Amino acid sequence: MATINTMNDEKKIDKAAYVLKAVAHPLRIKIIQMLNENKELNVSAIYKDLNAEQSLISHHLINMRDKGILDIRRSGKNIYYFLVDTAVADVIECIYRSKAMV
C-alpha cells in the first residue's frame, strides 16, 4: 500500500476530509447508495423510497450538489440527481466490509 506524503498531498487530504464530512449523515449515505444503484433519480423517488420529508431530502441533495458529490440533469420540469463519481459509494461499501463494522 502506498504511503501518503503529507507535504505533497495536503490538498488531496483536505479534499478527502471535505467529502467525507459532506456525506457523514445516514440519509446522505442512503441517498448515495440509491443513486449508485439507480444511476439517477428525482427528488420524489428518493423521498418516497426513504419515507422522509421532501424538504429534508431536498436539503441533503442541494448540500451534496454544492459540495460536488452530486449533479443534476434537467428533463422538462423534472430534475434528476446523479453521482458525479461513484468513488464515494465505493468508500461507503468498503467501510461496510471493514472489520470496524463487525
PDB file of N, CA and C in Angstrom:
ATOM      1  N   MET A   1       0.844  -1.180   0.000  1.00  0.00           N
ATOM      2  CA  MET A   1       0.000   0.000   0.000  1.00  0.00           C
ATOM      3  C   MET A   1       0.885   1.238   0.000  1.00  0.00           C
ATOM      4  N   ALA A   2       0.557   2.189  -0.821  1.00  0.00           N
ATOM      5  CA  ALA A   2       1.345   3.413  -0.925  1.00  0.00           C
ATOM      6  C   ALA A   2       1.172   4.265   0.322  1.00  0.00           C
ATOM      7  N   THR A   3       2.231   4.951   0.695  1.00  0.00           N
ATOM      8  CA  THR A   3       2.147   5.863   1.828  1.00  0.00           C
ATOM      9  C   THR A   3       1.815   7.262   1.321  1.00  0.00           C
ATOM     10  N   ILE A   4       1.248   8.044   2.185  1.00  0.00           N
ATOM     11  CA  ILE A   4       0.870   9.401   1.814  1.00  0.00           C
ATOM     12  C   ILE A   4       1.974  10.350   2.236  1.00  0.00           C
ATOM     13  N   ASN A   5       2.480  11.098   1.281  1.00  0.00           N
ATOM     14  CA  ASN A   5       3.450  12.141   1.573  1.00  0.00           C
ATOM     15  C   ASN A   5       2.640  13.390   1.874  1.00  0.00           C
ATOM     16  N   THR A   6       2.471  13.704   3.158  1.00  0.00           N
ATOM     17  CA  THR A   6       1.566  14.784   3.546  1.00  0.00           C
ATOM     18  C   THR A   6       1.989  16.141   3.021  1.00  0.00           C
ATOM     19  N   MET A   7       3.267  16.348   2.786  1.00  0.00           N
ATOM     20  CA  MET A   7       3.707  17.631   2.252  1.00  0.00           C
ATOM     21  C   MET A   7       3.197  17.829   0.826  1.00  0.00           C
ATOM     22  N   ASN A   8       3.204  16.784   0.021  1.00  0.00           N
ATOM     23  CA  ASN A   8       2.784  16.881  -1.379  1.00  0.00           C
ATOM     24  C   ASN A   8       1.297  16.645  -1.574  1.00  0.00           C
ATOM     25  N   ASP A   9       0.674  15.958  -0.660  1.00  0.00           N
ATOM     26  CA  ASP A   9      -0.721  15.557  -0.834  1.00  0.00           C
ATOM     27  C   ASP A   9      -1.676  16.270   0.116  1.00  0.00           C
ATOM     28  N   GLU A  10      -1.276  17.379   0.682  1.00  0.00           N
ATOM     29  CA  GLU A  10      -2.113  18.096   1.641  1.00  0.00           C
ATOM     30  C   GLU A  10      -3.469  18.482   1.039  1.00  0.00           C
ATOM     31  N   LYS A  11      -3.484  18.917  -0.198  1.00  0.00           N
ATOM     32  CA  LYS A  11      -4.750  19.284  -0.850  1.00  0.00           C
ATOM     33  C   LYS A  11      -5.653  18.071  -1.026  1.00  0.00           C
ATOM     34  N   LYS A  12      -5.057  16.922  -1.367  1.00  0.00           N
ATOM     35  CA  LYS A  12      -5.848  15.701  -1.518  1.00  0.00           C
ATOM     36  C   LYS A  12      -6.440  15.269  -0.179  1.00  0.00           C
ATOM     37  N   ILE A  13      -5.655  15.386   0.881  1.00  0.00           N
ATOM     38  CA  ILE A  13      -6.133  15.021   2.214  1.00  0.00           C
ATOM     39  C   ILE A  13      -7.270  15.946   2.628  1.00  0.00           C
ATOM     40  N   ASP A  14      -7.102  17.239   2.383  1.00  0.00           N
ATOM     41  CA  ASP A  14      -8.156  18.200   2.712  1.00  0.00           C
ATOM     42  C   ASP A  14      -9.432  17.906   1.926  1.00  0.00           C
ATOM     43  N   LYS A  15      -9.291  17.573   0.657  1.00  0.00           N
ATOM     44  CA  LYS A  15     -10.449  17.257  -0.186  1.00  0.00           C
ATOM     45  C   LYS A  15     -11.143  15.985   0.309  1.00  0.00           C
ATOM     46  N   ALA A  16     -10.358  14.981   0.679  1.00  0.00           N
ATOM     47  CA  ALA A  16     -10.937  13.739   1.197  1.00  0.00           C
ATOM     48  C   ALA A  16     -11.725  14.009   2.476  1.00  0.00           C
ATOM     49  N   ALA A  17     -11.174  14.802   3.372  1.00  0.00           N
ATOM     50  CA  ALA A  17     -11.874  15.140   4.618  1.00  0.00           C
ATOM     51  C   ALA A  17     -13.153  15.912   4.316  1.00  0.00           C
ATOM     52  N   TYR A  18     -13.088  16.810   3.357  1.00  0.00           N
ATOM     53  CA  TYR A  18     -14.240  17.620   2.957  1.00  0.00           C
ATOM     54  C   TYR A  18     -15.373  16.729   2.439  1.00  0.00           C
ATOM     55  N   VAL A  19     -15.034  15.789   1.582  1.00  0.00           N
ATOM     56  CA  VAL A  19     -16.041  14.886   1.010  1.00  0.00           C
ATOM     57  C   VAL A  19     -16.612  13.966   2.091  1.00  0.00           C
ATOM     58  N   LEU A  20     -15.749  13.420   2.942  1.00  0.00           N
ATOM     59  CA  LEU A  20     -16.235  12.528   3.992  1.00  0.00           C
ATOM     60  C   LEU A  20     -17.157  13.258   4.962  1.00  0.00           C
ATOM     61  N   LYS A  21     -16.833  14.485   5.309  1.00  0.00           N
ATOM     62  CA  LYS A  21     -17.719  15.278   6.168  1.00  0.00           C
ATOM     63  C   LYS A  21     -19.053  15.526   5.472  1.00  0.00           C
ATOM     64  N   ALA A  22     -18.996  15.765   4.182  1.00  0.00           N
ATOM     65  CA  ALA A  22     -20.210  16.080   3.418  1.00  0.00           C
ATOM     66  C   ALA A  22     -21.181  14.910   3.348  1.00  0.00           C
ATOM     67  N   VAL A  23     -20.691  13.690   3.436  1.00  0.00           N
ATOM     68  CA  VAL A  23     -21.575  12.522   3.334  1.00  0.00           C
ATOM     69  C   VAL A  23     -21.821  11.858   4.687  1.00  0.00           C
ATOM     70  N   ALA A  24     -21.285  12.438   5.741  1.00  0.00           N
ATOM     71  CA  ALA A  24     -21.369  11.827   7.071  1.00  0.00           C
ATOM     72  C   ALA A  24     -22.733  12.056   7.725  1.00  0.00           C
ATOM     73  N   HIS A  25     -23.754  11.515   7.112  1.00  0.00           N
ATOM     74  CA  HIS A  25     -25.119  11.576   7.651  1.00  0.00           C
ATOM     75  C   HIS A  25     -25.863  10.355   7.105  1.00  0.00           C
ATOM     76  N   PRO A  26     -26.621   9.653   7.953  1.00  0.00           N
ATOM     77  CA  PRO A  26     -27.306   8.438   7.485  1.00  0.00           C
ATOM     78  C   PRO A  26     -28.173   8.633   6.239  1.00  0.00           C
ATOM     79  N   LEU A  27     -28.934   9.727   6.167  1.00  0.00           N
ATOM     80  CA  LEU A  27     -29.769   9.939   4.974  1.00  0.00           C
ATOM     81  C   LEU A  27     -28.923  10.176   3.732  1.00  0.00           C
ATOM     82  N   ARG A  28     -27.834  10.881   3.881  1.00  0.00           N
ATOM     83  CA  ARG A  28     -26.964  11.134   2.731  1.00  0.00           C
ATOM     84  C   ARG A  28     -26.333   9.836   2.240  1.00  0.00           C
ATOM     85  N   ILE A  29     -25.959   8.983   3.159  1.00  0.00           N
ATOM     86  CA  ILE A  29     -25.391   7.688   2.766  1.00  0.00           C
ATOM     87  C   ILE A  29     -26.448   6.865   2.024  1.00  0.00           C
ATOM     88  N   LYS A  30     -27.675   6.878   2.514  1.00  0.00           N
ATOM     89  CA  LYS A  30     -28.752   6.153   1.833  1.00  0.00           C
ATOM     90  C   LYS A  30     -28.994   6.719   0.437  1.00  0.00           C
ATOM     91  N   ILE A  31     -28.980   8.044   0.314  1.00  0.00           N
ATOM     92  CA  ILE A  31     -29.172   8.676  -0.990  1.00  0.00           C
ATOM     93  C   ILE A  31     -28.058   8.266  -1.947  1.00  0.00           C
ATOM     94  N   ILE A  32     -26.843   8.279  -1.474  1.00  0.00           N
ATOM     95  CA  ILE A  32     -25.698   7.880  -2.305  1.00  0.00           C
ATOM     96  C   ILE A  32     -25.851   6.435  -2.756  1.00  0.00           C
ATOM     97  N   GLN A  33     -26.263   5.553  -1.863  1.00  0.00           N
ATOM     98  CA  GLN A  33     -26.474   4.152  -2.230  1.00  0.00           C
ATOM     99  C   GLN A  33     -27.568   4.033  -3.291  1.00  0.00           C
ATOM    100  N   MET A  34     -28.649   4.764  -3.112  1.00  0.00           N
ATOM    101  CA  MET A  34     -29.750   4.718  -4.084  1.00  0.00           C
ATOM    102  C   MET A  34     -29.281   5.196  -5.457  1.00  0.00           C
ATOM    103  N   LEU A  35     -28.540   6.296  -5.471  1.00  0.00           N
ATOM    104  CA  LEU A  35     -28.071   6.822  -6.750  1.00  0.00           C
ATOM    105  C   LEU A  35     -27.025   5.916  -7.384  1.00  0.00           C
ATOM    106  N   ASN A  36     -26.249   5.256  -6.575  1.00  0.00           N
ATOM    107  CA  ASN A  36     -25.268   4.317  -7.118  1.00  0.00           C
ATOM    108  C   ASN A  36     -25.960   3.123  -7.771  1.00  0.00           C
ATOM    109  N   GLU A  37     -27.051   2.684  -7.188  1.00  0.00           N
ATOM    110  CA  GLU A  37     -27.799   1.545  -7.728  1.00  0.00           C
ATOM    111  C   GLU A  37     -28.665   1.935  -8.929  1.00  0.00           C
ATOM    112  N   ASN A  38     -29.201   3.156  -8.924  1.00  0.00           N
ATOM    113  CA  ASN A  38     -30.168   3.565  -9.949  1.00  0.00           C
ATOM    114  C   ASN A  38     -29.622   4.551 -10.975  1.00  0.00           C
ATOM    115  N   LYS A  39     -28.394   4.982 -10.805  1.00  0.00           N
ATOM    116  CA  LYS A  39     -27.711   5.936 -11.696  1.00  0.00           C
ATOM    117  C   LYS A  39     -28.245   7.355 -11.570  1.00  0.00           C
ATOM    118  N   GLU A  40     -29.572   7.559 -11.612  1.00  0.00           N
ATOM    119  CA  GLU A  40     -30.140   8.884 -11.387  1.00  0.00           C
ATOM    120  C   GLU A  40     -31.582   8.741 -10.925  1.00  0.00           C
ATOM    121  N   LEU A  41     -31.993   9.676 -10.064  1.00  0.00           N
ATOM    122  CA  LEU A  41     -33.354   9.673  -9.528  1.00  0.00           C
ATOM    123  C   LEU A  41     -33.806  11.108  -9.311  1.00  0.00           C
ATOM    124  N   ASN A  42     -35.124  11.305  -9.338  1.00  0.00           N
ATOM    125  CA  ASN A  42     -35.634  12.631  -8.985  1.00  0.00           C
ATOM    126  C   ASN A  42     -35.968  12.663  -7.495  1.00  0.00           C
ATOM    127  N   VAL A  43     -36.225  13.857  -6.979  1.00  0.00           N
ATOM    128  CA  VAL A  43     -36.472  14.034  -5.549  1.00  0.00           C
ATOM    129  C   VAL A  43     -37.645  13.182  -5.082  1.00  0.00           C
ATOM    130  N   SER A  44     -38.707  13.135  -5.870  1.00  0.00           N
ATOM    131  CA  SER A  44     -39.901  12.370  -5.484  1.00  0.00           C
ATOM    132  C   SER A  44     -39.583  10.901  -5.242  1.00  0.00           C
ATOM    133  N   ALA A  45     -38.832  10.305  -6.138  1.00  0.00           N
ATOM    134  CA  ALA A  45     -38.477   8.887  -5.987  1.00  0.00           C
ATOM    135  C   ALA A  45     -37.648   8.671  -4.731  1.00  0.00           C
ATOM    136  N   ILE A  46     -36.758   9.597  -4.445  1.00  0.00           N
ATOM    137  CA  ILE A  46     -35.880   9.449  -3.275  1.00  0.00           C
ATOM    138  C   ILE A  46     -36.668   9.593  -1.980  1.00  0.00           C
ATOM    139  N   TYR A  47     -37.455  10.653  -1.856  1.00  0.00           N
ATOM    140  CA  TYR A  47     -38.146  10.850  -0.574  1.00  0.00           C
ATOM    141  C   TYR A  47     -39.223   9.800  -0.339  1.00  0.00           C
ATOM    142  N   LYS A  48     -39.859   9.330  -1.394  1.00  0.00           N
ATOM    143  CA  LYS A  48     -40.856   8.270  -1.220  1.00  0.00           C
ATOM    144  C   LYS A  48     -40.204   6.977  -0.766  1.00  0.00           C
ATOM    145  N   ASP A  49     -39.070   6.626  -1.379  1.00  0.00           N
ATOM    146  CA  ASP A  49     -38.385   5.388  -1.017  1.00  0.00           C
ATOM    147  C   ASP A  49     -37.820   5.451   0.403  1.00  0.00           C
ATOM    148  N   LEU A  50     -37.359   6.616   0.822  1.00  0.00           N
ATOM    149  CA  LEU A  50     -36.772   6.759   2.152  1.00  0.00           C
ATOM    150  C   LEU A  50     -37.807   7.126   3.216  1.00  0.00           C
ATOM    151  N   ASN A  51     -39.053   7.346   2.775  1.00  0.00           N
ATOM    152  CA  ASN A  51     -40.133   7.718   3.698  1.00  0.00           C
ATOM    153  C   ASN A  51     -39.729   8.924   4.551  1.00  0.00           C
ATOM    154  N   ALA A  52     -39.249   9.969   3.882  1.00  0.00           N
ATOM    155  CA  ALA A  52     -38.803  11.182   4.556  1.00  0.00           C
ATOM    156  C   ALA A  52     -39.478  12.391   3.915  1.00  0.00           C
ATOM    157  N   GLU A  53     -39.423  13.495   4.602  1.00  0.00           N
ATOM    158  CA  GLU A  53     -39.999  14.738   4.083  1.00  0.00           C
ATOM    159  C   GLU A  53     -39.237  15.207   2.845  1.00  0.00           C
ATOM    160  N   GLN A  54     -39.988  15.709   1.855  1.00  0.00           N
ATOM    161  CA  GLN A  54     -39.357  16.189   0.627  1.00  0.00           C
ATOM    162  C   GLN A  54     -38.377  17.323   0.922  1.00  0.00           C
ATOM    163  N   SER A  55     -38.739  18.222   1.817  1.00  0.00           N
ATOM    164  CA  SER A  55     -37.865  19.358   2.123  1.00  0.00           C
ATOM    165  C   SER A  55     -36.534  18.895   2.724  1.00  0.00           C
ATOM    166  N   LEU A  56     -36.577  17.862   3.552  1.00  0.00           N
ATOM    167  CA  LEU A  56     -35.354  17.331   4.159  1.00  0.00           C
ATOM    168  C   LEU A  56     -34.463  16.689   3.096  1.00  0.00           C
ATOM    169  N   ILE A  57     -35.054  15.895   2.230  1.00  0.00           N
ATOM    170  CA  ILE A  57     -34.292  15.248   1.160  1.00  0.00           C
ATOM    171  C   ILE A  57     -33.720  16.307   0.219  1.00  0.00           C
ATOM    172  N   SER A  58     -34.514  17.305  -0.129  1.00  0.00           N
ATOM    173  CA  SER A  58     -34.037  18.382  -0.998  1.00  0.00           C
ATOM    174  C   SER A  58     -32.846  19.096  -0.372  1.00  0.00           C
ATOM    175  N   HIS A  59     -32.915  19.342   0.918  1.00  0.00           N
ATOM    176  CA  HIS A  59     -31.806  19.984   1.628  1.00  0.00           C
ATOM    177  C   HIS A  59     -30.524  19.170   1.488  1.00  0.00           C
ATOM    178  N   HIS A  60     -30.617  17.868   1.720  1.00  0.00           N
ATOM    179  CA  HIS A  60     -29.436  16.999   1.616  1.00  0.00           C
ATOM    180  C   HIS A  60     -28.915  16.942   0.175  1.00  0.00           C
ATOM    181  N   LEU A  61     -29.821  16.864  -0.783  1.00  0.00           N
ATOM    182  CA  LEU A  61     -29.410  16.820  -2.194  1.00  0.00           C
ATOM    183  C   LEU A  61     -28.684  18.103  -2.600  1.00  0.00           C
ATOM    184  N   ILE A  62     -29.247  19.231  -2.219  1.00  0.00           N
ATOM    185  CA  ILE A  62     -28.619  20.517  -2.554  1.00  0.00           C
ATOM    186  C   ILE A  62     -27.250  20.630  -1.898  1.00  0.00           C
ATOM    187  N   ASN A  63     -27.158  20.213  -0.644  1.00  0.00           N
ATOM    188  CA  ASN A  63     -25.878  20.268   0.065  1.00  0.00           C
ATOM    189  C   ASN A  63     -24.821  19.425  -0.635  1.00  0.00           C
ATOM    190  N   MET A  64     -25.181  18.209  -1.016  1.00  0.00           N
ATOM    191  CA  MET A  64     -24.207  17.341  -1.686  1.00  0.00           C
ATOM    192  C   MET A  64     -23.891  17.837  -3.091  1.00  0.00           C
ATOM    193  N   ARG A  65     -24.851  18.463  -3.744  1.00  0.00           N
ATOM    194  CA  ARG A  65     -24.581  19.048  -5.063  1.00  0.00           C
ATOM    195  C   ARG A  65     -23.624  20.230  -4.923  1.00  0.00           C
ATOM    196  N   ASP A  66     -23.864  21.075  -3.938  1.00  0.00           N
ATOM    197  CA  ASP A  66     -22.987  22.227  -3.705  1.00  0.00           C
ATOM    198  C   ASP A  66     -21.548  21.798  -3.412  1.00  0.00           C
ATOM    199  N   LYS A  67     -21.390  20.623  -2.838  1.00  0.00           N
ATOM    200  CA  LYS A  67     -20.056  20.140  -2.481  1.00  0.00           C
ATOM    201  C   LYS A  67     -19.431  19.275  -3.578  1.00  0.00           C
ATOM    202  N   GLY A  68     -20.116  19.159  -4.718  1.00  0.00           N
ATOM    203  CA  GLY A  68     -19.548  18.461  -5.862  1.00  0.00           C
ATOM    204  C   GLY A  68     -19.700  16.956  -5.852  1.00  0.00           C
ATOM    205  N   ILE A  69     -20.532  16.430  -4.968  1.00  0.00           N
ATOM    206  CA  ILE A  69     -20.730  14.983  -4.878  1.00  0.00           C
ATOM    207  C   ILE A  69     -21.806  14.536  -5.861  1.00  0.00           C
ATOM    208  N   LEU A  70     -22.825  15.369  -6.024  1.00  0.00           N
ATOM    209  CA  LEU A  70     -23.928  15.089  -6.944  1.00  0.00           C
ATOM    210  C   LEU A  70     -23.994  16.177  -8.004  1.00  0.00           C
ATOM    211  N   ASP A  71     -24.678  15.853  -9.088  1.00  0.00           N
ATOM    212  CA  ASP A  71     -25.008  16.854 -10.100  1.00  0.00           C
ATOM    213  C   ASP A  71     -26.421  16.552 -10.574  1.00  0.00           C
ATOM    214  N   ILE A  72     -26.929  17.399 -11.449  1.00  0.00           N
ATOM    215  CA  ILE A  72     -28.306  17.238 -11.915  1.00  0.00           C
ATOM    216  C   ILE A  72     -28.374  17.179 -13.430  1.00  0.00           C
ATOM    217  N   ARG A  73     -29.493  16.600 -13.875  1.00  0.00           N
ATOM    218  CA  ARG A  73     -29.864  16.616 -15.284  1.00  0.00           C
ATOM    219  C   ARG A  73     -31.316  17.048 -15.323  1.00  0.00           C
ATOM    220  N   ARG A  74     -31.610  18.065 -16.102  1.00  0.00           N
ATOM    221  CA  ARG A  74     -32.987  18.552 -16.229  1.00  0.00           C
ATOM    222  C   ARG A  74     -33.663  17.880 -17.422  1.00  0.00           C
ATOM    223  N   SER A  75     -34.921  17.518 -17.206  1.00  0.00           N
ATOM    224  CA  SER A  75     -35.742  16.963 -18.273  1.00  0.00           C
ATOM    225  C   SER A  75     -37.140  17.533 -18.091  1.00  0.00           C
ATOM    226  N   GLY A  76     -37.437  18.570 -18.853  1.00  0.00           N
ATOM    227  CA  GLY A  76     -38.713  19.262 -18.671  1.00  0.00           C
ATOM    228  C   GLY A  76     -38.744  19.909 -17.302  1.00  0.00           C
ATOM    229  N   LYS A  77     -39.782  19.610 -16.533  1.00  0.00           N
ATOM    230  CA  LYS A  77     -39.897  20.159 -15.175  1.00  0.00           C
ATOM    231  C   LYS A  77     -39.177  19.299 -14.137  1.00  0.00           C
ATOM    232  N   ASN A  78     -38.705  18.145 -14.537  1.00  0.00           N
ATOM    233  CA  ASN A  78     -38.053  17.228 -13.604  1.00  0.00           C
ATOM    234  C   ASN A  78     -36.555  17.483 -13.517  1.00  0.00           C
ATOM    235  N   ILE A  79     -36.043  17.307 -12.311  1.00  0.00           N
ATOM    236  CA  ILE A  79     -34.608  17.383 -12.061  1.00  0.00           C
ATOM    237  C   ILE A  79     -34.169  16.023 -11.539  1.00  0.00           C
ATOM    238  N   TYR A  80     -33.200  15.440 -12.213  1.00  0.00           N
ATOM    239  CA  TYR A  80     -32.673  14.134 -11.829  1.00  0.00           C
ATOM    240  C   TYR A  80     -31.279  14.308 -11.246  1.00  0.00           C
ATOM    241  N   TYR A  81     -31.059  13.702 -10.091  1.00  0.00           N
ATOM    242  CA  TYR A  81     -29.760  13.755  -9.424  1.00  0.00           C
ATOM    243  C   TYR A  81     -28.964  12.503  -9.748  1.00  0.00           C
ATOM    244  N   PHE A  82     -27.652  12.673  -9.848  1.00  0.00           N
ATOM    245  CA  PHE A  82     -26.760  11.538 -10.072  1.00  0.00           C
ATOM    246  C   PHE A  82     -25.422  11.806  -9.398  1.00  0.00           C
ATOM    247  N   LEU A  83     -24.693  10.717  -9.120  1.00  0.00           N
ATOM    248  CA  LEU A  83     -23.365  10.829  -8.518  1.00  0.00           C
ATOM    249  C   LEU A  83     -22.381  11.352  -9.551  1.00  0.00           C
ATOM    250  N   VAL A  84     -21.562  12.303  -9.163  1.00  0.00           N
ATOM    251  CA  VAL A  84     -20.521  12.808 -10.049  1.00  0.00           C
ATOM    252  C   VAL A  84     -19.454  11.731 -10.228  1.00  0.00           C
ATOM    253  N   ASP A  85     -19.156  11.033  -9.147  1.00  0.00           N
ATOM    254  CA  ASP A  85     -18.123   9.998  -9.161  1.00  0.00           C
ATOM    255  C   ASP A  85     -18.568   8.899  -8.203  1.00  0.00           C
ATOM    256  N   THR A  86     -18.569   7.667  -8.647  1.00  0.00           N
ATOM    257  CA  THR A  86     -19.025   6.565  -7.794  1.00  0.00           C
ATOM    258  C   THR A  86     -18.003   6.179  -6.724  1.00  0.00           C
ATOM    259  N   ALA A  87     -16.861   6.845  -6.675  1.00  0.00           N
ATOM    260  CA  ALA A  87     -15.851   6.538  -5.663  1.00  0.00           C
ATOM    261  C   ALA A  87     -16.406   6.721  -4.252  1.00  0.00           C
ATOM    262  N   VAL A  88     -17.286   7.691  -4.063  1.00  0.00           N
ATOM    263  CA  VAL A  88     -17.887   7.906  -2.745  1.00  0.00           C
ATOM    264  C   VAL A  88     -18.682   6.671  -2.330  1.00  0.00           C
ATOM    265  N   ALA A  89     -19.444   6.119  -3.246  1.00  0.00           N
ATOM    266  CA  ALA A  89     -20.208   4.895  -2.958  1.00  0.00           C
ATOM    267  C   ALA A  89     -19.256   3.728  -2.695  1.00  0.00           C
ATOM    268  N   ASP A  90     -18.145   3.683  -3.400  1.00  0.00           N
ATOM    269  CA  ASP A  90     -17.154   2.626  -3.182  1.00  0.00           C
ATOM    270  C   ASP A  90     -16.562   2.710  -1.784  1.00  0.00           C
ATOM    271  N   VAL A  91     -16.306   3.924  -1.311  1.00  0.00           N
ATOM    272  CA  VAL A  91     -15.759   4.119   0.040  1.00  0.00           C
ATOM    273  C   VAL A  91     -16.767   3.639   1.078  1.00  0.00           C
ATOM    274  N   ILE A  92     -18.032   3.974   0.887  1.00  0.00           N
ATOM    275  CA  ILE A  92     -19.079   3.529   1.816  1.00  0.00           C
ATOM    276  C   ILE A  92     -19.141   2.004   1.838  1.00  0.00           C
ATOM    277  N   GLU A  93     -19.093   1.396   0.670  1.00  0.00           N
ATOM    278  CA  GLU A  93     -19.110  -0.073   0.594  1.00  0.00           C
ATOM    279  C   GLU A  93     -17.888  -0.664   1.289  1.00  0.00           C
ATOM    280  N   CYS A  94     -16.750  -0.041   1.120  1.00  0.00           N
ATOM    281  CA  CYS A  94     -15.522  -0.503   1.768  1.00  0.00           C
ATOM    282  C   CYS A  94     -15.664  -0.442   3.296  1.00  0.00           C
ATOM    283  N   ILE A  95     -16.277   0.602   3.794  1.00  0.00           N
ATOM    284  CA  ILE A  95     -16.496   0.736   5.237  1.00  0.00           C
ATOM    285  C   ILE A  95     -17.417  -0.375   5.725  1.00  0.00           C
ATOM    286  N   TYR A  96     -18.458  -0.692   4.950  1.00  0.00           N
ATOM    287  CA  TYR A  96     -19.366  -1.782   5.324  1.00  0.00           C
ATOM    288  C   TYR A  96     -18.626  -3.108   5.455  1.00  0.00           C
ATOM    289  N   ARG A  97     -17.649  -3.318   4.596  1.00  0.00           N
ATOM    290  CA  ARG A  97     -16.906  -4.586   4.601  1.00  0.00           C
ATOM    291  C   ARG A  97     -15.789  -4.621   5.639  1.00  0.00           C
ATOM    292  N   SER A  98     -15.480  -3.501   6.248  1.00  0.00           N
ATOM    293  CA  SER A  98     -14.355  -3.429   7.166  1.00  0.00           C
ATOM    294  C   SER A  98     -14.644  -4.148   8.486  1.00  0.00           C
ATOM    295  N   LYS A  99     -13.592  -4.506   9.171  1.00  0.00           N
ATOM    296  CA  LYS A  99     -13.715  -5.157  10.468  1.00  0.00           C
ATOM    297  C   LYS A  99     -14.318  -4.219  11.511  1.00  0.00           C
ATOM    298  N   ALA A 100     -14.198  -2.915  11.286  1.00  0.00           N
ATOM    299  CA  ALA A 100     -14.761  -1.953  12.220  1.00  0.00           C
ATOM    300  C   ALA A 100     -16.279  -2.023  12.284  1.00  0.00           C
ATOM    301  N   MET A 101     -16.908  -2.571  11.259  1.00  0.00           N
ATOM    302  CA  MET A 101     -18.380  -2.663  11.215  1.00  0.00           C
ATOM    303  C   MET A 101     -18.907  -3.915  11.916  1.00  0.00           C
ATOM    304  N   VAL A 102     -18.045  -4.782  12.344  1.00  0.00           N
ATOM    305  CA  VAL A 102     -18.475  -6.038  12.954  1.00  0.00           C
ATOM    306  C   VAL A 102     -19.025  -5.809  14.334  1.00  0.00           C
TER     307      VAL A 102
END
